[in-house]
Amino acid sequence: MSLLSTLKTVRGWVILGIFILAGLFFLKDVRSPSYPDNWELGRLAALPVQEGGRIKPVDTIARTSLMMIAGKQTYRDANGSKHDAIEWFAELILNPQSAANRQVFRIDHPDLVGLLGFHNEERKYFSLAEISPHFDSLREQFANVPEESHQQTTFDKALIKLQNSIGLYDRVAYIFVPPPFFGNAQGTYQMIDRVFQDRASAEPGSEQFETVNNALRLFAGQFSQLAQGAHVQAIPPAVDNLAGEWESLGGSLLTTIQSGAIDPVVEGWAELSVAFQNSDPFRFSAALDKLESLYDSRTDERAAKTDFETFFNNFAPFYYSMELYVLIFIVAAFSWMGWSKPLAKTAFWLLMAAFLVHTFGMVARIYIQARPPVTNLYSSAIFVSWAAIPLCLYLERRALNGIAAAAAALLGFSTLIIAHHLSFSGDTMEMMRAVLDSNFWLATHVPTVTLGYSATFLAGLIAFLYIVRSTLFGGVDKETEKLANGMVYGSVCFALLFSFVGTVLGGIWADQSWGRFWGWDPKENGALMIVLWNAVVLHARWGKAASTMGIMQLAIVGNIITAWSWFGTNMLGVGLHSYGFMDAAFLWLMIFILSQVLVILLGYKKT
């Protein structure tokens, strides 16, 4: 066998290995979760509840709660074994005393760990049982935390985070089953039944009558507290009133005090709790049968999506896309060192696969929410990269030099990482505020202006890679320079068109919502800055006022302006668009801007 044919064989195996690696990642992520000892937690995960006006599966509540408390959707037990969020959540809602020993509270600040009595401790996760003996000390420290954010130390912020986590933990623990007032939930409900029977047999005005009324007032006080702290409604409306309101557990039990009858769904959750506490999976399964039947008869078509949302949560297409983007960037970068065309083709087809998975995630969210693709800051992050990929596929197909594929991978990974961190704040499909709650404008202004963001970022990232490659990887030939110049030019033209149209549509929306077309709001100013800057880049190119390297540097400045307009304006805390603020995002925004400035200076050195 000649050396050439040997190289071709090796090259084929390497490319095949890359696709097998991508396939293994896919198979890993689409597997169905399994749980030990025949516990049908998958069925529990798909049961519907209502939170924030949206019908969602228990699985979503479990994942978002654990994400906010532990910073991830899994936890490890004392033996180091990894478990899904629903395993922790099932234990929390059905057997809170046992769940209190699970180490799920993430604490990073060493002084706060020391306050809990754990000196020289390297672990970051602690259980409620370990934290609760120090509640008095925590309350004492919390009383000294300044109200103004800029006056708070890192210790203060860690304390606030821990307090919020404990508050959330306490709220979700009693969504379905009340605290054990009398043994367990069934014991509590049996006691309520007995009180009602005693009242029915008591003579009005008698001592016994007054005693049972006092007992009912005691129950009402407990249930009222449950209702006040509830943010999830677990009890669907009655069969004869499907358009009615969902009730929280506390609200339903308060209704019981008036009607004398406990809701069958409430009793069903109590039966499930007893089966779980007695470690009886068969009784658990029978209780699930009853609950599923009750929910099926008392919910409308909105609840029918909970099975699909549970599958969507398990599949996690955006995590899989993120892994693919990393692989694409590596393959594209290697294409600049050798085997250029085969590796560039491999990067192209991997990018096509990533785009399909990313698209599935986008379409799935649209189906679940019954809303346009961009409804909040999280969805804008996943949309920005998705919208740029078709353009990258087109550019890469024409040039086949790995630059557009690498730019798409960089943009896709970066924006999905941003989306991942935004998910720490709760449900990523939360409903919008009333002024934004318009499907027409959500389907026109928001995607259009976000397409402008996407194209501006794409132009900036291609320019970023061009400067890095031409300065740190031995330069680029004339053909690559011409292709990169054309890619940036096409992207900026696209960006100018969509950012301009999107800004005008936003003005019309503002006129309808707030009675004025333009209000010099920071977000509005940011959108205008993107339009103007893209116009500057085009004029510089058309007027030959800048060389290829100069155009690349100007395009990177577009990255800085777009990042500021997208996230930075939210951090000002002023204006009608000040939403989705994240304190930690400021540091990362500054790091991003610094990285862009450094590459601009790198390009200046080259010229």
Foldseek 3Di string as FASTA:
>chain_A
DDPVVVVVVVLVVVLVVLVVVLVVLQVVQLDDDDDPPLFPLLLQQLAWWDFLNAIAGVVQVQQLLLCLFQVGQWAAAPVRDIDGSSVLLCCLQQPVVVSQAGFRGFFDDQVVVVLLVDHPDDDGTGGNVSRVVNVVVLVVVQVPADPDPVPGDPVNVSSVSRVVSVLSSVLSSHQQFAPCPDNGRVRVVVVLLVLVVQCVPDDPPDPSVVVSVVVLVVLLVRLVVNQVSHRMQNAFDDLVCLVDDGGTPSRQVNVCSVVVDHDVLSVLSRQLSVCVVVVNSVSNVVSSVVNVVRSVSRYDPLSVCNSVVSSCVSSVLLVSLLVLLVSLLVLLVVLLVDPVQVSLVSSLVSLVVSLVSLVVNQVSLCVNLVAHQDFDLLSLLSLLLSLLSVLLSVLCVVVSGSLSSNLSSVSSNVSSVVSSVLSSVGDPSNGHDPLSRDRVLRNPLVSLLSSLLSLLSSLLSSLLVQLCCCQPVVHDDPVVLVSSLVSSLVSLVSNLVSLVRSLQSCLVSCCVRPVGSDDVQLLSVLSVVLNVLSVVLNCCVVVVVDDSLRSNLSSNVSNLSSLCSSQVSLCVVDDPPNPSHDPVVVVVNVVSVVSSVVSSVSSVVVD
